Amino acid sequence: MKRLLPLFCILVILFASAGVASADKPLPDTFTITGYTTSYTFDTLPSGRTKFNLLAQGGAETPVDDAICSAWYGVTSCQALCQSSPDHACGVTGRFLAASFKFEEKGNVDYDPITKQGSGKGTNQGDLTITMPDGSKAVIRFDGQADLQTVSGNWRVLSSSGTLDGLHGQGKYTGNAGLVFSVTFDGKFH
């Protein structure tokens, strides 16, 4: 029995150190943004490709936002728009539950919106600002691929403030492209 005690102590130390090491590792985390486009501009380039710039948002809608959704999309409210198209409430779910967001996205695609010619394949990039109900913010940079139906790529946290101060993370995103959209961000926060 005395010979088993040192072995038992070694096993306890190994398990304890493994627990400490795993506590330091970032945990996988997911959040989804669901929203709508509020501004879209584009220029057809001499190459036939189209350069675009759009603004989008979701969550914490104001009467001004609902007026935009009514004028652009013919719905009574932005929430009605989100719930009818991607079938989710506008805003952020998952890691940043009950948050709102805004982003500016730029890209370049092989598609002419006037002639409707081209493959629709291209790139996108932008900065997503997530705002928690207490005013804390996280700014996330995303960049990847886009086509007429989907977006996908990589993301990373650029900055954070308030209760989110010191947040770091990165991962991948995928979702649908369009004026009304839902995009899921998978990755790790630490």
N, C-alpha and C. Protein backbone atom coordinates (compact mmCIF):
# COMPACT_ATOMS: atom_id res chain seq x y z
N MET A 1 0.82 -1.19 0.00
CA MET A 1 0.00 0.00 0.00
C MET A 1 0.87 1.25 0.00
N LYS A 2 2.00 1.22 0.77
CA LYS A 2 2.88 2.38 0.83
C LYS A 2 3.51 2.65 -0.53
N ARG A 3 3.69 1.63 -1.34
CA ARG A 3 4.29 1.80 -2.66
C ARG A 3 3.31 2.47 -3.63
N LEU A 4 2.02 2.32 -3.43
CA LEU A 4 1.01 2.92 -4.29
C LEU A 4 0.81 4.41 -3.99
N LEU A 5 1.14 4.84 -2.80
CA LEU A 5 0.94 6.24 -2.42
C LEU A 5 1.74 7.20 -3.30
N PRO A 6 3.03 6.98 -3.58
CA PRO A 6 3.76 7.89 -4.47
C PRO A 6 3.15 7.92 -5.89
N LEU A 7 2.73 6.76 -6.38
CA LEU A 7 2.11 6.71 -7.70
C LEU A 7 0.81 7.50 -7.70
N PHE A 8 0.02 7.33 -6.65
CA PHE A 8 -1.23 8.07 -6.52
C PHE A 8 -0.96 9.58 -6.50
N CYS A 9 0.03 10.04 -5.77
CA CYS A 9 0.38 11.47 -5.69
C CYS A 9 0.80 12.01 -7.06
N ILE A 10 1.56 11.23 -7.79
CA ILE A 10 1.99 11.65 -9.13
C ILE A 10 0.78 11.80 -10.05
N LEU A 11 -0.15 10.86 -9.99
CA LEU A 11 -1.35 10.94 -10.81
C LEU A 11 -2.20 12.16 -10.45
N VAL A 12 -2.31 12.46 -9.16
CA VAL A 12 -3.08 13.64 -8.73
C VAL A 12 -2.43 14.91 -9.28
N ILE A 13 -1.11 15.00 -9.22
CA ILE A 13 -0.41 16.18 -9.73
C ILE A 13 -0.60 16.30 -11.24
N LEU A 14 -0.52 15.20 -11.97
CA LEU A 14 -0.71 15.23 -13.42
C LEU A 14 -2.11 15.70 -13.79
N PHE A 15 -3.12 15.15 -13.13
CA PHE A 15 -4.49 15.56 -13.42
C PHE A 15 -4.73 17.02 -13.06
N ALA A 16 -4.18 17.47 -11.95
CA ALA A 16 -4.35 18.86 -11.54
C ALA A 16 -3.70 19.81 -12.53
N SER A 17 -2.48 19.48 -12.98
CA SER A 17 -1.81 20.36 -13.94
C SER A 17 -2.51 20.35 -15.29
N ALA A 18 -3.09 19.24 -15.69
CA ALA A 18 -3.85 19.18 -16.94
C ALA A 18 -5.08 20.06 -16.84
N GLY A 19 -5.72 20.09 -15.69
CA GLY A 19 -6.88 20.93 -15.49
C GLY A 19 -6.53 22.41 -15.57
N VAL A 20 -5.39 22.80 -15.01
CA VAL A 20 -4.95 24.19 -15.06
C VAL A 20 -4.62 24.57 -16.50
N ALA A 21 -3.95 23.71 -17.22
CA ALA A 21 -3.59 24.00 -18.61
C ALA A 21 -4.83 24.16 -19.47
N SER A 22 -5.83 23.30 -19.28
CA SER A 22 -7.02 23.41 -20.11
C SER A 22 -7.85 24.63 -19.75
N ALA A 23 -7.77 25.13 -18.52
CA ALA A 23 -8.51 26.33 -18.14
C ALA A 23 -7.97 27.56 -18.84
N ASP A 24 -6.69 27.55 -19.23
CA ASP A 24 -6.10 28.69 -19.92
C ASP A 24 -6.43 28.71 -21.41
N LYS A 25 -6.86 27.61 -21.99
CA LYS A 25 -7.14 27.56 -23.41
C LYS A 25 -8.46 28.27 -23.71
N PRO A 26 -8.52 28.99 -24.84
CA PRO A 26 -9.78 29.62 -25.20
C PRO A 26 -10.82 28.58 -25.56
N LEU A 27 -12.04 28.85 -25.21
CA LEU A 27 -13.12 27.92 -25.49
C LEU A 27 -13.81 28.28 -26.80
N PRO A 28 -14.27 27.29 -27.55
CA PRO A 28 -15.01 27.61 -28.77
C PRO A 28 -16.26 28.42 -28.42
N ASP A 29 -16.58 29.35 -29.27
CA ASP A 29 -17.74 30.19 -29.04
C ASP A 29 -18.38 30.54 -30.36
N THR A 30 -19.67 30.76 -30.34
CA THR A 30 -20.41 31.06 -31.55
C THR A 30 -21.35 32.23 -31.29
N PHE A 31 -21.50 33.08 -32.29
CA PHE A 31 -22.54 34.09 -32.25
C PHE A 31 -23.05 34.30 -33.67
N THR A 32 -24.28 34.74 -33.78
CA THR A 32 -24.91 34.96 -35.08
C THR A 32 -25.45 36.37 -35.14
N ILE A 33 -25.21 37.04 -36.27
CA ILE A 33 -25.81 38.35 -36.50
C ILE A 33 -26.90 38.19 -37.55
N THR A 34 -28.03 38.82 -37.30
CA THR A 34 -29.14 38.82 -38.25
C THR A 34 -29.54 40.27 -38.44
N GLY A 35 -29.58 40.72 -39.68
CA GLY A 35 -29.90 42.12 -39.91
C GLY A 35 -30.24 42.43 -41.35
N TYR A 36 -30.09 43.71 -41.69
CA TYR A 36 -30.54 44.23 -42.96
C TYR A 36 -29.62 45.35 -43.41
N THR A 37 -29.57 45.55 -44.71
CA THR A 37 -28.74 46.58 -45.31
C THR A 37 -29.46 47.92 -45.25
N THR A 38 -28.72 48.97 -44.87
CA THR A 38 -29.31 50.32 -44.80
C THR A 38 -28.74 51.25 -45.87
N SER A 39 -27.65 50.87 -46.49
CA SER A 39 -27.04 51.66 -47.56
C SER A 39 -26.23 50.73 -48.45
N TYR A 40 -26.35 50.92 -49.76
CA TYR A 40 -25.60 50.10 -50.71
C TYR A 40 -25.21 50.97 -51.89
N THR A 41 -23.91 51.07 -52.14
CA THR A 41 -23.42 51.80 -53.30
C THR A 41 -22.45 50.89 -54.05
N PHE A 42 -22.33 51.12 -55.37
CA PHE A 42 -21.41 50.30 -56.16
C PHE A 42 -20.90 51.10 -57.35
N ASP A 43 -19.75 50.68 -57.85
CA ASP A 43 -19.14 51.23 -59.06
C ASP A 43 -18.70 50.07 -59.93
N THR A 44 -19.05 50.16 -61.22
CA THR A 44 -18.57 49.15 -62.15
C THR A 44 -17.17 49.56 -62.59
N LEU A 45 -16.24 48.65 -62.43
CA LEU A 45 -14.84 48.91 -62.77
C LEU A 45 -14.59 48.62 -64.25
N PRO A 46 -13.53 49.20 -64.83
CA PRO A 46 -13.21 48.93 -66.25
C PRO A 46 -13.03 47.44 -66.54
N SER A 47 -12.62 46.67 -65.55
CA SER A 47 -12.42 45.23 -65.73
C SER A 47 -13.74 44.47 -65.85
N GLY A 48 -14.86 45.15 -65.58
CA GLY A 48 -16.16 44.48 -65.59
C GLY A 48 -16.60 44.02 -64.22
N ARG A 49 -15.68 44.06 -63.27
CA ARG A 49 -16.01 43.71 -61.89
C ARG A 49 -16.73 44.89 -61.24
N THR A 50 -17.38 44.63 -60.12
CA THR A 50 -18.09 45.67 -59.40
C THR A 50 -17.51 45.82 -58.01
N LYS A 51 -17.18 47.05 -57.64
CA LYS A 51 -16.73 47.38 -56.29
C LYS A 51 -17.96 47.87 -55.53
N PHE A 52 -18.18 47.32 -54.31
CA PHE A 52 -19.36 47.73 -53.55
C PHE A 52 -18.98 48.16 -52.14
N ASN A 53 -19.88 48.92 -51.55
CA ASN A 53 -19.75 49.38 -50.17
C ASN A 53 -21.16 49.34 -49.58
N LEU A 54 -21.30 48.69 -48.43
CA LEU A 54 -22.63 48.67 -47.82
C LEU A 54 -22.53 48.87 -46.31
N LEU A 55 -23.62 49.38 -45.77
CA LEU A 55 -23.80 49.52 -44.33
C LEU A 55 -24.95 48.62 -43.94
N ALA A 56 -24.83 47.94 -42.81
CA ALA A 56 -25.88 47.04 -42.35
C ALA A 56 -25.95 47.10 -40.83
N GLN A 57 -27.05 46.65 -40.29
CA GLN A 57 -27.24 46.66 -38.85
C GLN A 57 -28.34 45.69 -38.45
N GLY A 58 -28.47 45.52 -37.14
CA GLY A 58 -29.54 44.69 -36.59
C GLY A 58 -29.60 44.83 -35.09
N GLY A 59 -30.81 44.86 -34.55
CA GLY A 59 -31.03 44.99 -33.11
C GLY A 59 -31.15 46.44 -32.68
N ALA A 60 -31.85 46.66 -31.59
CA ALA A 60 -32.06 48.00 -31.00
C ALA A 60 -32.60 48.99 -32.04
N GLU A 61 -33.58 48.54 -32.84
CA GLU A 61 -34.14 49.40 -33.88
C GLU A 61 -34.88 50.60 -33.30
N THR A 62 -34.76 51.71 -34.00
CA THR A 62 -35.44 52.96 -33.64
C THR A 62 -36.57 53.19 -34.65
N PRO A 63 -37.43 54.17 -34.41
CA PRO A 63 -38.45 54.50 -35.42
C PRO A 63 -37.82 54.90 -36.77
N VAL A 64 -36.65 55.53 -36.75
CA VAL A 64 -35.96 55.88 -38.00
C VAL A 64 -35.57 54.61 -38.75
N ASP A 65 -35.04 53.61 -38.03
CA ASP A 65 -34.69 52.33 -38.65
C ASP A 65 -35.93 51.67 -39.26
N ASP A 66 -37.03 51.67 -38.52
CA ASP A 66 -38.25 51.05 -39.02
C ASP A 66 -38.76 51.78 -40.26
N ALA A 67 -38.56 53.10 -40.32
CA ALA A 67 -38.95 53.86 -41.52
C ALA A 67 -38.11 53.43 -42.72
N ILE A 68 -36.80 53.20 -42.50
CA ILE A 68 -35.94 52.70 -43.58
C ILE A 68 -36.42 51.34 -44.05
N CYS A 69 -36.70 50.44 -43.11
CA CYS A 69 -37.16 49.10 -43.48
C CYS A 69 -38.49 49.16 -44.22
N SER A 70 -39.36 50.07 -43.81
CA SER A 70 -40.64 50.23 -44.49
C SER A 70 -40.45 50.73 -45.92
N ALA A 71 -39.60 51.75 -46.08
CA ALA A 71 -39.37 52.32 -47.42
C ALA A 71 -38.62 51.35 -48.33
N TRP A 72 -37.59 50.69 -47.82
CA TRP A 72 -36.76 49.80 -48.65
C TRP A 72 -37.41 48.45 -48.91
N TYR A 73 -38.04 47.91 -47.86
CA TYR A 73 -38.48 46.53 -47.93
C TYR A 73 -39.99 46.33 -47.89
N GLY A 74 -40.74 47.42 -47.64
CA GLY A 74 -42.20 47.32 -47.62
C GLY A 74 -42.77 46.54 -46.45
N VAL A 75 -42.11 46.61 -45.30
CA VAL A 75 -42.58 45.91 -44.10
C VAL A 75 -42.91 46.95 -43.02
N THR A 76 -43.62 46.53 -42.00
CA THR A 76 -44.01 47.47 -40.94
C THR A 76 -42.87 47.78 -39.97
N SER A 77 -41.92 46.83 -39.80
CA SER A 77 -40.80 47.06 -38.89
C SER A 77 -39.60 46.22 -39.34
N CYS A 78 -38.43 46.60 -38.87
CA CYS A 78 -37.22 45.84 -39.19
C CYS A 78 -37.29 44.44 -38.57
N GLN A 79 -37.85 44.33 -37.37
CA GLN A 79 -37.98 43.01 -36.75
C GLN A 79 -38.86 42.10 -37.60
N ALA A 80 -39.94 42.65 -38.16
CA ALA A 80 -40.80 41.84 -39.04
C ALA A 80 -40.01 41.38 -40.26
N LEU A 81 -39.14 42.24 -40.77
CA LEU A 81 -38.30 41.89 -41.92
C LEU A 81 -37.37 40.73 -41.59
N CYS A 82 -36.63 40.84 -40.48
CA CYS A 82 -35.69 39.78 -40.09
C CYS A 82 -36.42 38.46 -39.82
N GLN A 83 -37.55 38.54 -39.16
CA GLN A 83 -38.26 37.33 -38.80
C GLN A 83 -38.95 36.67 -39.99
N SER A 84 -39.17 37.43 -41.07
CA SER A 84 -39.81 36.82 -42.24
C SER A 84 -38.81 36.25 -43.22
N SER A 85 -37.61 36.80 -43.27
CA SER A 85 -36.66 36.34 -44.29
C SER A 85 -35.69 35.31 -43.74
N PRO A 86 -34.71 35.68 -42.87
CA PRO A 86 -33.87 34.60 -42.35
C PRO A 86 -34.52 33.88 -41.17
N ASP A 87 -35.71 34.34 -40.73
CA ASP A 87 -36.46 33.70 -39.66
C ASP A 87 -35.76 33.78 -38.30
N HIS A 88 -35.09 34.89 -38.03
CA HIS A 88 -34.47 35.16 -36.73
C HIS A 88 -34.76 36.61 -36.37
N ALA A 89 -34.76 36.91 -35.10
CA ALA A 89 -34.91 38.31 -34.69
C ALA A 89 -33.66 39.09 -35.10
N CYS A 90 -33.83 40.36 -35.43
CA CYS A 90 -32.68 41.22 -35.75
C CYS A 90 -31.80 41.35 -34.51
N GLY A 91 -30.49 41.35 -34.72
CA GLY A 91 -29.56 41.54 -33.62
C GLY A 91 -28.55 40.41 -33.54
N VAL A 92 -28.02 40.22 -32.33
CA VAL A 92 -26.96 39.23 -32.11
C VAL A 92 -27.46 38.18 -31.12
N THR A 93 -27.20 36.93 -31.43
CA THR A 93 -27.52 35.85 -30.50
C THR A 93 -26.24 35.06 -30.23
N GLY A 94 -26.28 34.24 -29.20
CA GLY A 94 -25.11 33.44 -28.85
C GLY A 94 -24.23 34.17 -27.86
N ARG A 95 -22.95 34.22 -28.12
CA ARG A 95 -21.94 34.80 -27.20
C ARG A 95 -22.30 36.21 -26.75
N PHE A 96 -22.88 37.02 -27.65
CA PHE A 96 -23.23 38.41 -27.34
C PHE A 96 -24.74 38.58 -27.30
N LEU A 97 -25.40 37.73 -26.54
CA LEU A 97 -26.86 37.71 -26.45
C LEU A 97 -27.41 39.09 -26.15
N ALA A 98 -28.47 39.47 -26.86
CA ALA A 98 -29.20 40.72 -26.68
C ALA A 98 -28.43 41.95 -27.14
N ALA A 99 -27.36 41.75 -27.89
CA ALA A 99 -26.58 42.89 -28.40
C ALA A 99 -27.13 43.34 -29.74
N SER A 100 -26.73 44.52 -30.14
CA SER A 100 -27.03 45.02 -31.48
C SER A 100 -25.71 45.14 -32.23
N PHE A 101 -25.78 45.38 -33.54
CA PHE A 101 -24.56 45.49 -34.32
C PHE A 101 -24.75 46.44 -35.49
N LYS A 102 -23.63 46.94 -35.97
CA LYS A 102 -23.55 47.69 -37.22
C LYS A 102 -22.26 47.29 -37.89
N PHE A 103 -22.24 47.29 -39.22
CA PHE A 103 -20.98 47.08 -39.90
C PHE A 103 -20.96 47.79 -41.24
N GLU A 104 -19.72 48.06 -41.67
CA GLU A 104 -19.47 48.55 -43.01
C GLU A 104 -18.70 47.46 -43.72
N GLU A 105 -19.17 47.10 -44.90
CA GLU A 105 -18.55 46.03 -45.68
C GLU A 105 -18.17 46.59 -47.05
N LYS A 106 -16.99 46.21 -47.51
CA LYS A 106 -16.53 46.57 -48.84
C LYS A 106 -16.17 45.29 -49.56
N GLY A 107 -16.28 45.34 -50.87
CA GLY A 107 -15.93 44.14 -51.61
C GLY A 107 -15.79 44.40 -53.09
N ASN A 108 -15.50 43.34 -53.79
CA ASN A 108 -15.25 43.38 -55.22
C ASN A 108 -15.76 42.06 -55.79
N VAL A 109 -16.70 42.13 -56.72
CA VAL A 109 -17.29 40.90 -57.26
C VAL A 109 -17.32 40.91 -58.78
N ASP A 110 -17.32 39.73 -59.35
CA ASP A 110 -17.47 39.55 -60.79
C ASP A 110 -18.96 39.53 -61.11
N TYR A 111 -19.56 40.72 -61.10
CA TYR A 111 -20.99 40.81 -61.37
C TYR A 111 -21.35 42.26 -61.65
N ASP A 112 -22.12 42.48 -62.68
CA ASP A 112 -22.59 43.82 -63.01
C ASP A 112 -24.07 43.88 -62.62
N PRO A 113 -24.43 44.67 -61.59
CA PRO A 113 -25.83 44.71 -61.14
C PRO A 113 -26.79 45.27 -62.19
N ILE A 114 -26.29 46.02 -63.15
CA ILE A 114 -27.17 46.60 -64.16
C ILE A 114 -27.46 45.58 -65.26
N THR A 115 -26.41 44.93 -65.78
CA THR A 115 -26.62 43.95 -66.86
C THR A 115 -26.92 42.55 -66.31
N LYS A 116 -26.66 42.37 -65.02
CA LYS A 116 -26.84 41.07 -64.36
C LYS A 116 -25.95 39.99 -64.97
N GLN A 117 -24.78 40.37 -65.41
CA GLN A 117 -23.80 39.46 -66.00
C GLN A 117 -22.66 39.22 -65.02
N GLY A 118 -22.09 38.02 -65.03
CA GLY A 118 -20.94 37.67 -64.21
C GLY A 118 -21.23 36.51 -63.28
N SER A 119 -20.17 35.96 -62.73
CA SER A 119 -20.31 34.80 -61.85
C SER A 119 -20.82 35.17 -60.46
N GLY A 120 -20.61 36.42 -60.04
CA GLY A 120 -21.01 36.84 -58.70
C GLY A 120 -19.97 36.53 -57.64
N LYS A 121 -18.88 35.90 -58.02
CA LYS A 121 -17.84 35.54 -57.04
C LYS A 121 -16.90 36.71 -56.81
N GLY A 122 -16.49 36.87 -55.54
CA GLY A 122 -15.59 37.95 -55.21
C GLY A 122 -15.12 37.88 -53.77
N THR A 123 -14.75 39.03 -53.25
CA THR A 123 -14.24 39.12 -51.88
C THR A 123 -15.03 40.15 -51.09
N ASN A 124 -14.99 40.01 -49.78
CA ASN A 124 -15.60 41.00 -48.90
C ASN A 124 -14.72 41.21 -47.68
N GLN A 125 -14.84 42.38 -47.08
CA GLN A 125 -14.12 42.68 -45.84
C GLN A 125 -14.83 43.82 -45.14
N GLY A 126 -14.65 43.91 -43.84
CA GLY A 126 -15.28 44.99 -43.11
C GLY A 126 -15.03 44.91 -41.63
N ASP A 127 -15.60 45.88 -40.93
CA ASP A 127 -15.51 45.96 -39.47
C ASP A 127 -16.92 45.90 -38.89
N LEU A 128 -17.12 44.96 -38.00
CA LEU A 128 -18.40 44.73 -37.32
C LEU A 128 -18.28 45.26 -35.90
N THR A 129 -19.17 46.18 -35.51
CA THR A 129 -19.18 46.69 -34.14
C THR A 129 -20.39 46.11 -33.43
N ILE A 130 -20.13 45.36 -32.37
CA ILE A 130 -21.18 44.77 -31.54
C ILE A 130 -21.32 45.65 -30.30
N THR A 131 -22.56 46.05 -29.99
CA THR A 131 -22.81 46.89 -28.82
C THR A 131 -23.73 46.14 -27.87
N MET A 132 -23.24 45.93 -26.65
CA MET A 132 -24.02 45.25 -25.62
C MET A 132 -25.04 46.23 -25.03
N PRO A 133 -26.08 45.72 -24.35
CA PRO A 133 -27.07 46.62 -23.74
C PRO A 133 -26.46 47.63 -22.76
N ASP A 134 -25.33 47.29 -22.12
CA ASP A 134 -24.70 48.23 -21.17
C ASP A 134 -23.77 49.23 -21.85
N GLY A 135 -23.68 49.19 -23.21
CA GLY A 135 -22.83 50.12 -23.95
C GLY A 135 -21.43 49.59 -24.25
N SER A 136 -21.06 48.45 -23.68
CA SER A 136 -19.76 47.84 -23.99
C SER A 136 -19.72 47.46 -25.46
N LYS A 137 -18.51 47.52 -26.05
CA LYS A 137 -18.40 47.25 -27.48
C LYS A 137 -17.24 46.32 -27.80
N ALA A 138 -17.40 45.61 -28.91
CA ALA A 138 -16.32 44.81 -29.49
C ALA A 138 -16.32 45.11 -30.99
N VAL A 139 -15.14 45.38 -31.53
CA VAL A 139 -14.99 45.60 -32.97
C VAL A 139 -14.30 44.38 -33.55
N ILE A 140 -14.91 43.80 -34.57
CA ILE A 140 -14.43 42.56 -35.17
C ILE A 140 -14.18 42.80 -36.66
N ARG A 141 -12.99 42.48 -37.11
CA ARG A 141 -12.64 42.58 -38.54
C ARG A 141 -12.96 41.25 -39.20
N PHE A 142 -13.63 41.31 -40.35
CA PHE A 142 -13.89 40.09 -41.12
C PHE A 142 -13.41 40.28 -42.55
N ASP A 143 -12.96 39.21 -43.17
CA ASP A 143 -12.59 39.25 -44.59
C ASP A 143 -12.67 37.84 -45.15
N GLY A 144 -13.15 37.76 -46.38
CA GLY A 144 -13.31 36.46 -46.98
C GLY A 144 -13.83 36.51 -48.39
N GLN A 145 -14.68 35.54 -48.72
CA GLN A 145 -15.24 35.37 -50.04
C GLN A 145 -16.73 35.68 -50.01
N ALA A 146 -17.22 36.14 -51.16
CA ALA A 146 -18.64 36.41 -51.31
C ALA A 146 -19.07 35.97 -52.70
N ASP A 147 -20.32 35.57 -52.80
CA ASP A 147 -20.94 35.38 -54.11
C ASP A 147 -22.35 35.92 -53.99
N LEU A 148 -23.20 35.65 -54.92
CA LEU A 148 -24.54 36.24 -54.88
C LEU A 148 -25.43 35.64 -53.79
N GLN A 149 -25.01 34.51 -53.21
CA GLN A 149 -25.85 33.85 -52.22
C GLN A 149 -25.19 33.67 -50.85
N THR A 150 -23.86 33.61 -50.79
CA THR A 150 -23.20 33.30 -49.53
C THR A 150 -21.99 34.19 -49.27
N VAL A 151 -21.60 34.22 -47.99
CA VAL A 151 -20.34 34.85 -47.57
C VAL A 151 -19.64 33.86 -46.63
N SER A 152 -18.32 33.90 -46.62
CA SER A 152 -17.55 33.07 -45.70
C SER A 152 -16.15 33.63 -45.61
N GLY A 153 -15.48 33.33 -44.50
CA GLY A 153 -14.11 33.80 -44.34
C GLY A 153 -13.66 33.74 -42.90
N ASN A 154 -12.73 34.62 -42.55
CA ASN A 154 -12.12 34.66 -41.23
C ASN A 154 -12.46 35.96 -40.51
N TRP A 155 -12.43 35.90 -39.18
CA TRP A 155 -12.65 37.10 -38.37
C TRP A 155 -11.68 37.11 -37.20
N ARG A 156 -11.48 38.32 -36.64
CA ARG A 156 -10.68 38.47 -35.42
C ARG A 156 -11.13 39.74 -34.70
N VAL A 157 -11.00 39.72 -33.39
CA VAL A 157 -11.35 40.88 -32.57
C VAL A 157 -10.25 41.92 -32.71
N LEU A 158 -10.64 43.15 -33.06
CA LEU A 158 -9.68 44.26 -33.17
C LEU A 158 -9.57 45.04 -31.87
N SER A 159 -10.72 45.29 -31.23
CA SER A 159 -10.71 46.07 -29.99
C SER A 159 -11.97 45.77 -29.20
N SER A 160 -11.95 46.16 -27.92
CA SER A 160 -13.11 45.96 -27.06
C SER A 160 -13.08 46.99 -25.94
N SER A 161 -14.25 47.26 -25.36
CA SER A 161 -14.34 48.25 -24.28
C SER A 161 -15.41 47.84 -23.28
N GLY A 162 -15.43 48.54 -22.15
CA GLY A 162 -16.41 48.27 -21.11
C GLY A 162 -16.25 46.89 -20.53
N THR A 163 -17.35 46.19 -20.32
CA THR A 163 -17.28 44.85 -19.74
C THR A 163 -16.64 43.85 -20.70
N LEU A 164 -16.49 44.22 -21.96
CA LEU A 164 -15.82 43.36 -22.93
C LEU A 164 -14.33 43.69 -23.06
N ASP A 165 -13.84 44.65 -22.30
CA ASP A 165 -12.45 45.09 -22.40
C ASP A 165 -11.50 43.90 -22.24
N GLY A 166 -10.50 43.84 -23.11
CA GLY A 166 -9.52 42.76 -23.06
C GLY A 166 -9.94 41.52 -23.82
N LEU A 167 -11.10 41.56 -24.48
CA LEU A 167 -11.57 40.40 -25.23
C LEU A 167 -10.69 40.20 -26.47
N HIS A 168 -10.27 38.98 -26.70
CA HIS A 168 -9.51 38.61 -27.88
C HIS A 168 -10.18 37.38 -28.47
N GLY A 169 -10.02 37.20 -29.78
CA GLY A 169 -10.59 36.01 -30.40
C GLY A 169 -10.45 36.04 -31.90
N GLN A 170 -10.69 34.89 -32.51
CA GLN A 170 -10.65 34.76 -33.95
C GLN A 170 -11.39 33.49 -34.34
N GLY A 171 -11.70 33.40 -35.64
CA GLY A 171 -12.40 32.22 -36.12
C GLY A 171 -12.85 32.38 -37.56
N LYS A 172 -13.92 31.68 -37.90
CA LYS A 172 -14.46 31.67 -39.26
C LYS A 172 -15.92 32.10 -39.23
N TYR A 173 -16.40 32.64 -40.35
CA TYR A 173 -17.80 33.01 -40.46
C TYR A 173 -18.39 32.44 -41.74
N THR A 174 -19.69 32.21 -41.74
CA THR A 174 -20.41 31.77 -42.93
C THR A 174 -21.86 32.20 -42.81
N GLY A 175 -22.47 32.51 -43.92
CA GLY A 175 -23.87 32.91 -43.91
C GLY A 175 -24.38 33.22 -45.29
N ASN A 176 -25.58 33.78 -45.32
CA ASN A 176 -26.16 34.13 -46.61
C ASN A 176 -25.84 35.58 -46.97
N ALA A 177 -25.68 35.83 -48.24
CA ALA A 177 -25.47 37.19 -48.74
C ALA A 177 -26.83 37.74 -49.15
N GLY A 178 -26.96 39.03 -49.09
CA GLY A 178 -28.21 39.65 -49.52
C GLY A 178 -28.52 40.86 -48.67
N LEU A 179 -29.59 41.54 -49.04
CA LEU A 179 -29.98 42.73 -48.30
C LEU A 179 -30.45 42.41 -46.89
N VAL A 180 -31.02 41.23 -46.71
CA VAL A 180 -31.40 40.72 -45.39
C VAL A 180 -30.59 39.44 -45.21
N PHE A 181 -29.94 39.28 -44.06
CA PHE A 181 -28.95 38.21 -43.94
C PHE A 181 -28.88 37.68 -42.51
N SER A 182 -28.23 36.53 -42.39
CA SER A 182 -27.89 35.93 -41.11
C SER A 182 -26.52 35.27 -41.29
N VAL A 183 -25.56 35.66 -40.47
CA VAL A 183 -24.18 35.16 -40.57
C VAL A 183 -23.74 34.63 -39.22
N THR A 184 -23.19 33.44 -39.19
CA THR A 184 -22.71 32.81 -37.96
C THR A 184 -21.19 32.87 -37.90
N PHE A 185 -20.68 33.31 -36.73
CA PHE A 185 -19.26 33.41 -36.48
C PHE A 185 -18.88 32.34 -35.46
N ASP A 186 -18.03 31.40 -35.87
CA ASP A 186 -17.53 30.35 -34.99
C ASP A 186 -16.07 30.64 -34.71
N GLY A 187 -15.61 30.34 -33.49
CA GLY A 187 -14.21 30.55 -33.20
C GLY A 187 -13.91 30.40 -31.74
N LYS A 188 -12.89 31.11 -31.30
CA LYS A 188 -12.45 31.03 -29.92
C LYS A 188 -12.25 32.43 -29.37
N PHE A 189 -12.73 32.64 -28.15
CA PHE A 189 -12.52 33.89 -27.43
C PHE A 189 -11.65 33.59 -26.21
N HIS A 190 -10.85 34.55 -25.82
CA HIS A 190 -10.05 34.41 -24.61
C HIS A 190 -9.76 35.79 -24.04
